[in-house]
Each structure stands twice: as C-alpha cells, then as structure tokens.
C-alpha cells in the first residue's frame, strides 16, 4: 500500500513547481478576408508555449517584455485570462513586435516581422535577475535568446537557473541558421532538451552533453 504522506508530499511538490518561459510575445496581424484588413491576435512561440502549459494545469510564469501600449495590454489580458503569472513580465517602454501574416492559395503562411527596436529584445541585467524561486523548468523562447542586445542576459539567466532547473529551448530559433551546438555554446551548455513543434505536435529531443 502506498505511503499516503509520501504521495501527498509528491503532489504538493508538483503543485508548487513553476514552469517559467522566457522570450518574445508579439502580435500576429492575420488577414480577415477583406483587402488590407487584419485581426490582431496574441502570438509568439514562447507566449504560446506559456499558454499551452497553463491550459494543461501547470503553474506557469511568463518572462516577456510587454509594451505599455494597446498591443501590450492585449497580450497581458490574454495571458492573465489563461492563468499565466506575469509577475516577472516587465512593462516595456518600447513598442510591441508585429508579424504580418500572408496566406497563400495552398493555405501556407509567411510572416513579415516588424521588430527593429521593439520590446522583446531589450532585456536588461536587472530584469533577468528576477526568476520565480520555485522554477523547476526554464524554457528559452526562440528569437529573444538570439537577438541583441538582450540575448546575453537571457543566457546568463539560463546559466544560473541550470543549477536547480531543467533548461529547454525552442528549436524554432534554428530558423536563423543557428546550430544546436553553437546555441548551447553561447548559453554555457546548460540546455537539457530542445523542443520543436511539427504538425501540431511537440517534439522533445534530449541533448547529449
């Protein structure tokens, strides 16, 4: 017969654990069928990962620099409605990153990104010094872990967190022709798994160290 106290302790530990996602949160501008007309939808790979974890019942914290503008408020409202903790999501003075979506006849989508000088990449040492104490997994979201000037601060956050947490990164970052080995080298080699999404399924690959 299982030890009830041990089982309760294990459940409590699981409930206390926090899955923290750090990376970009942007707005997808999706055509609504009328020429030149778009719908604004919350997006960005790290943002979507945080939403998905929260929907699975996980305690989830999102570290994303959210602008103090209409788009930033839309992102905050959507995340909070899904139960994502935004305690560690700074209010940014810079504008929100935008991705204008084009849909072709074969239902394939392409994106034009408007990211120069936007909030997602301007991390500071002060902002990344703050991490939920209960974090057991830190997921690094794609472009924010690569683009200056903020990427080095995310790398340092990962290095520090790797002593107590599992580190994963979004393999979407490899779309910038960044190899797994090079990214791990930049992060100080704390990464345990890489995550990719294909055909709506998450593919998790362990990284041999």
C-alpha atoms as a PDB file:
ATOM      1  CA  UNK A   1       0.000   0.000   0.000  1.00  0.00           C
ATOM      2  CA  UNK A   2       1.474   3.422  -0.962  1.00  0.00           C
ATOM      3  CA  UNK A   3       2.531   5.788   1.783  1.00  0.00           C
ATOM      4  CA  UNK A   4      -0.246   8.414   1.898  1.00  0.00           C
ATOM      5  CA  UNK A   5       2.012  11.068   3.407  1.00  0.00           C
ATOM      6  CA  UNK A   6       4.652  10.484   0.730  1.00  0.00           C
ATOM      7  CA  UNK A   7       2.052  10.674  -2.028  1.00  0.00           C
ATOM      8  CA  UNK A   8       0.633  13.906  -0.623  1.00  0.00           C
ATOM      9  CA  UNK A   9       4.119  15.383  -0.411  1.00  0.00           C
ATOM     10  CA  UNK A  10       4.792  14.485  -4.035  1.00  0.00           C
ATOM     11  CA  UNK A  11       1.514  16.094  -5.134  1.00  0.00           C
ATOM     12  CA  UNK A  12       2.261  19.224  -3.125  1.00  0.00           C
ATOM     13  CA  UNK A  13       5.725  19.471  -4.669  1.00  0.00           C
ATOM     14  CA  UNK A  14       4.262  19.153  -8.146  1.00  0.00           C
ATOM     15  CA  UNK A  15       1.709  21.868  -7.443  1.00  0.00           C
ATOM     16  CA  UNK A  16       4.411  24.166  -6.044  1.00  0.00           C
ATOM     17  CA  UNK A  17       6.719  23.736  -9.046  1.00  0.00           C
ATOM     18  CA  UNK A  18       6.734  26.556 -11.578  1.00  0.00           C
ATOM     19  CA  UNK A  19       7.437  26.218 -15.295  1.00  0.00           C
ATOM     20  CA  UNK A  20       8.945  29.509 -16.430  1.00  0.00           C
ATOM     21  CA  UNK A  21       9.028  30.628 -20.055  1.00  0.00           C
ATOM     22  CA  UNK A  22      11.265  33.498 -21.187  1.00  0.00           C
ATOM     23  CA  UNK A  23      11.096  35.018 -24.650  1.00  0.00           C
ATOM     24  CA  UNK A  24       9.077  37.088 -27.048  1.00  0.00           C
ATOM     25  CA  UNK A  25       5.367  37.894 -27.024  1.00  0.00           C
ATOM     26  CA  UNK A  26       4.158  39.548 -30.179  1.00  0.00           C
ATOM     27  CA  UNK A  27       1.057  40.358 -32.191  1.00  0.00           C
ATOM     28  CA  UNK A  28       0.156  38.407 -35.328  1.00  0.00           C
ATOM     29  CA  UNK A  29      -1.717  40.554 -37.829  1.00  0.00           C
ATOM     30  CA  UNK A  30      -3.915  37.997 -39.583  1.00  0.00           C
ATOM     31  CA  UNK A  31      -5.908  38.846 -42.747  1.00  0.00           C
ATOM     32  CA  UNK A  32      -9.660  38.804 -42.116  1.00  0.00           C
ATOM     33  CA  UNK A  33     -10.626  38.280 -45.747  1.00  0.00           C
ATOM     34  CA  UNK A  34     -11.040  41.938 -46.692  1.00  0.00           C
ATOM     35  CA  UNK A  35      -8.268  43.693 -48.656  1.00  0.00           C
ATOM     36  CA  UNK A  36      -5.870  45.457 -46.290  1.00  0.00           C
ATOM     37  CA  UNK A  37      -7.820  44.441 -43.171  1.00  0.00           C
ATOM     38  CA  UNK A  38      -6.270  42.413 -40.339  1.00  0.00           C
ATOM     39  CA  UNK A  39      -7.171  40.942 -36.964  1.00  0.00           C
ATOM     40  CA  UNK A  40      -4.673  41.379 -34.119  1.00  0.00           C
ATOM     41  CA  UNK A  41      -4.001  38.083 -32.323  1.00  0.00           C
ATOM     42  CA  UNK A  42      -1.608  37.360 -29.438  1.00  0.00           C
ATOM     43  CA  UNK A  43       1.294  35.194 -30.520  1.00  0.00           C
ATOM     44  CA  UNK A  44       4.974  34.416 -30.483  1.00  0.00           C
ATOM     45  CA  UNK A  45       6.315  30.929 -29.855  1.00  0.00           C
ATOM     46  CA  UNK A  46       7.280  31.460 -26.173  1.00  0.00           C
ATOM     47  CA  UNK A  47       3.964  33.168 -25.450  1.00  0.00           C
ATOM     48  CA  UNK A  48       2.081  30.250 -26.993  1.00  0.00           C
ATOM     49  CA  UNK A  49       4.156  27.742 -25.002  1.00  0.00           C
ATOM     50  CA  UNK A  50       3.215  29.517 -21.761  1.00  0.00           C
ATOM     51  CA  UNK A  51      -0.464  29.499 -22.710  1.00  0.00           C
ATOM     52  CA  UNK A  52      -0.322  25.796 -23.554  1.00  0.00           C
ATOM     53  CA  UNK A  53       1.360  24.886 -20.255  1.00  0.00           C
ATOM     54  CA  UNK A  54      -1.229  26.851 -18.279  1.00  0.00           C
ATOM     55  CA  UNK A  55      -4.060  25.104 -20.132  1.00  0.00           C
ATOM     56  CA  UNK A  56      -2.519  21.792 -19.080  1.00  0.00           C
ATOM     57  CA  UNK A  57      -2.897  22.844 -15.457  1.00  0.00           C
ATOM     58  CA  UNK A  58       0.759  23.711 -14.844  1.00  0.00           C
ATOM     59  CA  UNK A  59       1.814  26.672 -12.724  1.00  0.00           C
ATOM     60  CA  UNK A  60       3.314  28.836 -15.440  1.00  0.00           C
ATOM     61  CA  UNK A  61       5.233  32.086 -15.284  1.00  0.00           C
ATOM     62  CA  UNK A  62       5.961  34.136 -18.397  1.00  0.00           C
ATOM     63  CA  UNK A  63       9.003  36.392 -18.598  1.00  0.00           C
ATOM     64  CA  UNK A  64       8.253  38.596 -21.600  1.00  0.00           C
ATOM     65  CA  UNK A  65       8.788  42.322 -22.050  1.00  0.00           C
ATOM     66  CA  UNK A  66       5.248  43.549 -22.693  1.00  0.00           C
ATOM     67  CA  UNK A  67       4.793  47.038 -24.073  1.00  0.00           C
ATOM     68  CA  UNK A  68       2.697  49.713 -22.416  1.00  0.00           C
ATOM     69  CA  UNK A  69       0.528  50.120 -25.491  1.00  0.00           C
ATOM     70  CA  UNK A  70      -2.722  48.661 -26.815  1.00  0.00           C
ATOM     71  CA  UNK A  71      -0.996  45.541 -28.170  1.00  0.00           C
ATOM     72  CA  UNK A  72       0.919  45.000 -24.951  1.00  0.00           C
ATOM     73  CA  UNK A  73      -2.281  45.273 -22.942  1.00  0.00           C
ATOM     74  CA  UNK A  74      -3.934  42.744 -25.283  1.00  0.00           C
ATOM     75  CA  UNK A  75      -1.089  40.304 -24.597  1.00  0.00           C
ATOM     76  CA  UNK A  76      -1.333  40.803 -20.829  1.00  0.00           C
ATOM     77  CA  UNK A  77      -5.103  40.387 -20.783  1.00  0.00           C
ATOM     78  CA  UNK A  78      -4.937  37.182 -22.828  1.00  0.00           C
ATOM     79  CA  UNK A  79      -2.188  35.654 -20.689  1.00  0.00           C
ATOM     80  CA  UNK A  80      -3.917  36.502 -17.415  1.00  0.00           C
ATOM     81  CA  UNK A  81      -7.208  35.101 -18.697  1.00  0.00           C
ATOM     82  CA  UNK A  82      -5.392  31.801 -19.304  1.00  0.00           C
ATOM     83  CA  UNK A  83      -3.950  31.768 -15.773  1.00  0.00           C
ATOM     84  CA  UNK A  84      -0.351  32.672 -16.674  1.00  0.00           C
ATOM     85  CA  UNK A  85       1.593  34.511 -13.961  1.00  0.00           C
ATOM     86  CA  UNK A  86       3.015  37.820 -15.255  1.00  0.00           C
ATOM     87  CA  UNK A  87       4.786  38.896 -12.076  1.00  0.00           C
ATOM     88  CA  UNK A  88       8.123  38.659 -13.880  1.00  0.00           C
ATOM     89  CA  UNK A  89       6.984  40.244 -17.160  1.00  0.00           C
ATOM     90  CA  UNK A  90       8.390  43.796 -17.269  1.00  0.00           C
ATOM     91  CA  UNK A  91       6.377  46.762 -18.501  1.00  0.00           C
ATOM     92  CA  UNK A  92       8.385  47.925 -21.518  1.00  0.00           C
ATOM     93  CA  UNK A  93       8.594  51.426 -22.961  1.00  0.00           C
ATOM     94  CA  UNK A  94       9.379  50.082 -26.437  1.00  0.00           C
ATOM     95  CA  UNK A  95       6.594  49.104 -28.897  1.00  0.00           C
ATOM     96  CA  UNK A  96       5.262  45.579 -29.458  1.00  0.00           C
ATOM     97  CA  UNK A  97       6.795  43.336 -32.114  1.00  0.00           C
ATOM     98  CA  UNK A  98       4.401  42.738 -35.027  1.00  0.00           C
ATOM     99  CA  UNK A  99       4.179  39.872 -37.509  1.00  0.00           C
ATOM    100  CA  UNK A 100       2.047  40.499 -40.591  1.00  0.00           C
ATOM    101  CA  UNK A 101       0.730  37.193 -41.913  1.00  0.00           C
ATOM    102  CA  UNK A 102       0.215  36.423 -45.601  1.00  0.00           C
ATOM    103  CA  UNK A 103      -1.894  33.394 -46.554  1.00  0.00           C
ATOM    104  CA  UNK A 104      -1.381  31.816 -49.951  1.00  0.00           C
ATOM    105  CA  UNK A 105      -3.730  29.672 -52.023  1.00  0.00           C
ATOM    106  CA  UNK A 106      -2.322  26.423 -50.660  1.00  0.00           C
ATOM    107  CA  UNK A 107      -3.033  27.638 -47.089  1.00  0.00           C
ATOM    108  CA  UNK A 108       0.675  28.201 -46.452  1.00  0.00           C
ATOM    109  CA  UNK A 109       1.536  31.223 -44.319  1.00  0.00           C
ATOM    110  CA  UNK A 110       4.503  33.572 -44.443  1.00  0.00           C
ATOM    111  CA  UNK A 111       5.392  36.327 -41.997  1.00  0.00           C
ATOM    112  CA  UNK A 112       6.792  39.827 -42.332  1.00  0.00           C
ATOM    113  CA  UNK A 113       8.285  40.820 -38.974  1.00  0.00           C
ATOM    114  CA  UNK A 114       8.476  44.367 -37.660  1.00  0.00           C
ATOM    115  CA  UNK A 115      10.947  44.007 -34.820  1.00  0.00           C
ATOM    116  CA  UNK A 116      13.532  46.794 -35.023  1.00  0.00           C
ATOM    117  CA  UNK A 117      13.793  48.449 -31.612  1.00  0.00           C
ATOM    118  CA  UNK A 118      10.794  46.607 -30.192  1.00  0.00           C
ATOM    119  CA  UNK A 119      10.267  45.483 -26.604  1.00  0.00           C
ATOM    120  CA  UNK A 120      11.149  41.800 -26.961  1.00  0.00           C
ATOM    121  CA  UNK A 121      14.907  42.210 -27.410  1.00  0.00           C
ATOM    122  CA  UNK A 122      15.736  44.956 -24.873  1.00  0.00           C
ATOM    123  CA  UNK A 123      16.295  42.813 -21.769  1.00  0.00           C
ATOM    124  CA  UNK A 124      18.484  44.217 -19.008  1.00  0.00           C
ATOM    125  CA  UNK A 125      20.523  42.540 -16.286  1.00  0.00           C
ATOM    126  CA  UNK A 126      18.089  43.900 -13.696  1.00  0.00           C
ATOM    127  CA  UNK A 127      15.087  42.322 -15.446  1.00  0.00           C
ATOM    128  CA  UNK A 128      16.650  38.897 -15.900  1.00  0.00           C
ATOM    129  CA  UNK A 129      17.957  38.814 -12.321  1.00  0.00           C
ATOM    130  CA  UNK A 130      14.390  38.037 -11.243  1.00  0.00           C
ATOM    131  CA  UNK A 131      13.227  34.417 -11.564  1.00  0.00           C
ATOM    132  CA  UNK A 132      10.447  32.600  -9.669  1.00  0.00           C
ATOM    133  CA  UNK A 133      12.123  30.754  -6.806  1.00  0.00           C
ATOM    134  CA  UNK A 134      10.036  27.616  -7.439  1.00  0.00           C
ATOM    135  CA  UNK A 135      11.133  27.294 -11.080  1.00  0.00           C
ATOM    136  CA  UNK A 136      11.893  23.663 -11.908  1.00  0.00           C
ATOM    137  CA  UNK A 137      11.961  24.136 -15.693  1.00  0.00           C
ATOM    138  CA  UNK A 138      13.121  27.174 -17.654  1.00  0.00           C
ATOM    139  CA  UNK A 139      12.112  27.281 -21.304  1.00  0.00           C
ATOM    140  CA  UNK A 140      14.005  29.709 -23.546  1.00  0.00           C
ATOM    141  CA  UNK A 141      11.927  31.116 -26.355  1.00  0.00           C
ATOM    142  CA  UNK A 142      13.268  31.403 -29.770  1.00  0.00           C
ATOM    143  CA  UNK A 143      14.394  34.759 -31.159  1.00  0.00           C
ATOM    144  CA  UNK A 144      14.811  36.530 -27.820  1.00  0.00           C
ATOM    145  CA  UNK A 145      17.564  34.045 -26.934  1.00  0.00           C
ATOM    146  CA  UNK A 146      19.497  35.042 -30.057  1.00  0.00           C
ATOM    147  CA  UNK A 147      18.941  38.723 -30.845  1.00  0.00           C
ATOM    148  CA  UNK A 148      20.936  41.559 -29.281  1.00  0.00           C
ATOM    149  CA  UNK A 149      21.053  43.481 -27.100  1.00  0.00           C
ATOM    150  CA  UNK A 150      19.049  41.311 -24.673  1.00  0.00           C
ATOM    151  CA  UNK A 151      20.168  37.778 -25.580  1.00  0.00           C
ATOM    152  CA  UNK A 152      23.304  37.733 -23.362  1.00  0.00           C
ATOM    153  CA  UNK A 153      21.170  38.492 -20.307  1.00  0.00           C
ATOM    154  CA  UNK A 154      18.882  35.561 -21.124  1.00  0.00           C
ATOM    155  CA  UNK A 155      21.966  33.347 -21.496  1.00  0.00           C
ATOM    156  CA  UNK A 156      23.163  34.392 -18.051  1.00  0.00           C
ATOM    157  CA  UNK A 157      19.720  33.691 -16.605  1.00  0.00           C
ATOM    158  CA  UNK A 158      19.867  30.174 -18.090  1.00  0.00           C
ATOM    159  CA  UNK A 159      23.344  29.557 -16.726  1.00  0.00           C
ATOM    160  CA  UNK A 160      22.264  30.489 -13.204  1.00  0.00           C
ATOM    161  CA  UNK A 161      18.992  28.556 -13.394  1.00  0.00           C
ATOM    162  CA  UNK A 162      20.694  25.403 -14.701  1.00  0.00           C
ATOM    163  CA  UNK A 163      21.943  24.538 -11.202  1.00  0.00           C
ATOM    164  CA  UNK A 164      18.390  23.906  -9.975  1.00  0.00           C
ATOM    165  CA  UNK A 165      16.154  23.672 -13.050  1.00  0.00           C
ATOM    166  CA  UNK A 166      15.874  21.751 -16.307  1.00  0.00           C
ATOM    167  CA  UNK A 167      16.603  24.032 -19.266  1.00  0.00           C
ATOM    168  CA  UNK A 168      14.883  23.680 -22.633  1.00  0.00           C
ATOM    169  CA  UNK A 169      14.950  25.851 -25.726  1.00  0.00           C
ATOM    170  CA  UNK A 170      12.682  26.330 -28.687  1.00  0.00           C
ATOM    171  CA  UNK A 171      14.180  24.839 -31.823  1.00  0.00           C
ATOM    172  CA  UNK A 172      12.334  27.472 -33.868  1.00  0.00           C
ATOM    173  CA  UNK A 173      15.463  29.506 -33.140  1.00  0.00           C
ATOM    174  CA  UNK A 174      17.280  27.324 -35.599  1.00  0.00           C
ATOM    175  CA  UNK A 175      15.343  29.031 -38.395  1.00  0.00           C
ATOM    176  CA  UNK A 176      18.016  31.729 -38.067  1.00  0.00           C
ATOM    177  CA  UNK A 177      20.580  29.116 -39.215  1.00  0.00           C
ATOM    178  CA  UNK A 178      21.878  28.778 -35.661  1.00  0.00           C
ATOM    179  CA  UNK A 179      23.095  25.235 -34.976  1.00  0.00           C
ATOM    180  CA  UNK A 180      22.195  23.455 -31.741  1.00  0.00           C
ATOM    181  CA  UNK A 181      25.851  23.188 -30.783  1.00  0.00           C
ATOM    182  CA  UNK A 182      26.510  26.906 -31.330  1.00  0.00           C
ATOM    183  CA  UNK A 183      23.476  27.955 -29.315  1.00  0.00           C
ATOM    184  CA  UNK A 184      24.433  25.651 -26.450  1.00  0.00           C
ATOM    185  CA  UNK A 185      27.922  27.121 -26.508  1.00  0.00           C
ATOM    186  CA  UNK A 186      26.502  30.623 -26.229  1.00  0.00           C
ATOM    187  CA  UNK A 187      24.339  29.521 -23.306  1.00  0.00           C
ATOM    188  CA  UNK A 188      27.243  27.936 -21.455  1.00  0.00           C
ATOM    189  CA  UNK A 189      25.909  24.427 -22.258  1.00  0.00           C
ATOM    190  CA  UNK A 190      23.149  24.201 -19.647  1.00  0.00           C
ATOM    191  CA  UNK A 191      20.464  23.094 -22.118  1.00  0.00           C
ATOM    192  CA  UNK A 192      18.908  19.687 -21.389  1.00  0.00           C
ATOM    193  CA  UNK A 193      16.307  19.414 -24.167  1.00  0.00           C
ATOM    194  CA  UNK A 194      15.324  21.148 -27.370  1.00  0.00           C
ATOM    195  CA  UNK A 195      11.663  21.485 -28.299  1.00  0.00           C
ATOM    196  CA  UNK A 196      10.143  21.752 -31.758  1.00  0.00           C
ATOM    197  CA  UNK A 197       6.555  21.732 -32.960  1.00  0.00           C
ATOM    198  CA  UNK A 198       5.661  19.813 -36.099  1.00  0.00           C
ATOM    199  CA  UNK A 199       2.153  19.185 -37.420  1.00  0.00           C
ATOM    200  CA  UNK A 200       0.698  20.408 -34.134  1.00  0.00           C
ATOM    201  CA  UNK A 201       2.792  18.015 -32.016  1.00  0.00           C
ATOM    202  CA  UNK A 202       5.586  18.895 -29.630  1.00  0.00           C
ATOM    203  CA  UNK A 203       8.823  17.032 -30.342  1.00  0.00           C
ATOM    204  CA  UNK A 204      11.243  16.958 -27.398  1.00  0.00           C
ATOM    205  CA  UNK A 205      14.798  15.843 -28.042  1.00  0.00           C
ATOM    206  CA  UNK A 206      17.282  15.187 -25.206  1.00  0.00           C
ATOM    207  CA  UNK A 207      20.640  16.851 -25.728  1.00  0.00           C
ATOM    208  CA  UNK A 208      23.714  14.715 -25.198  1.00  0.00           C
ATOM    209  CA  UNK A 209      26.266  16.660 -23.160  1.00  0.00           C
END
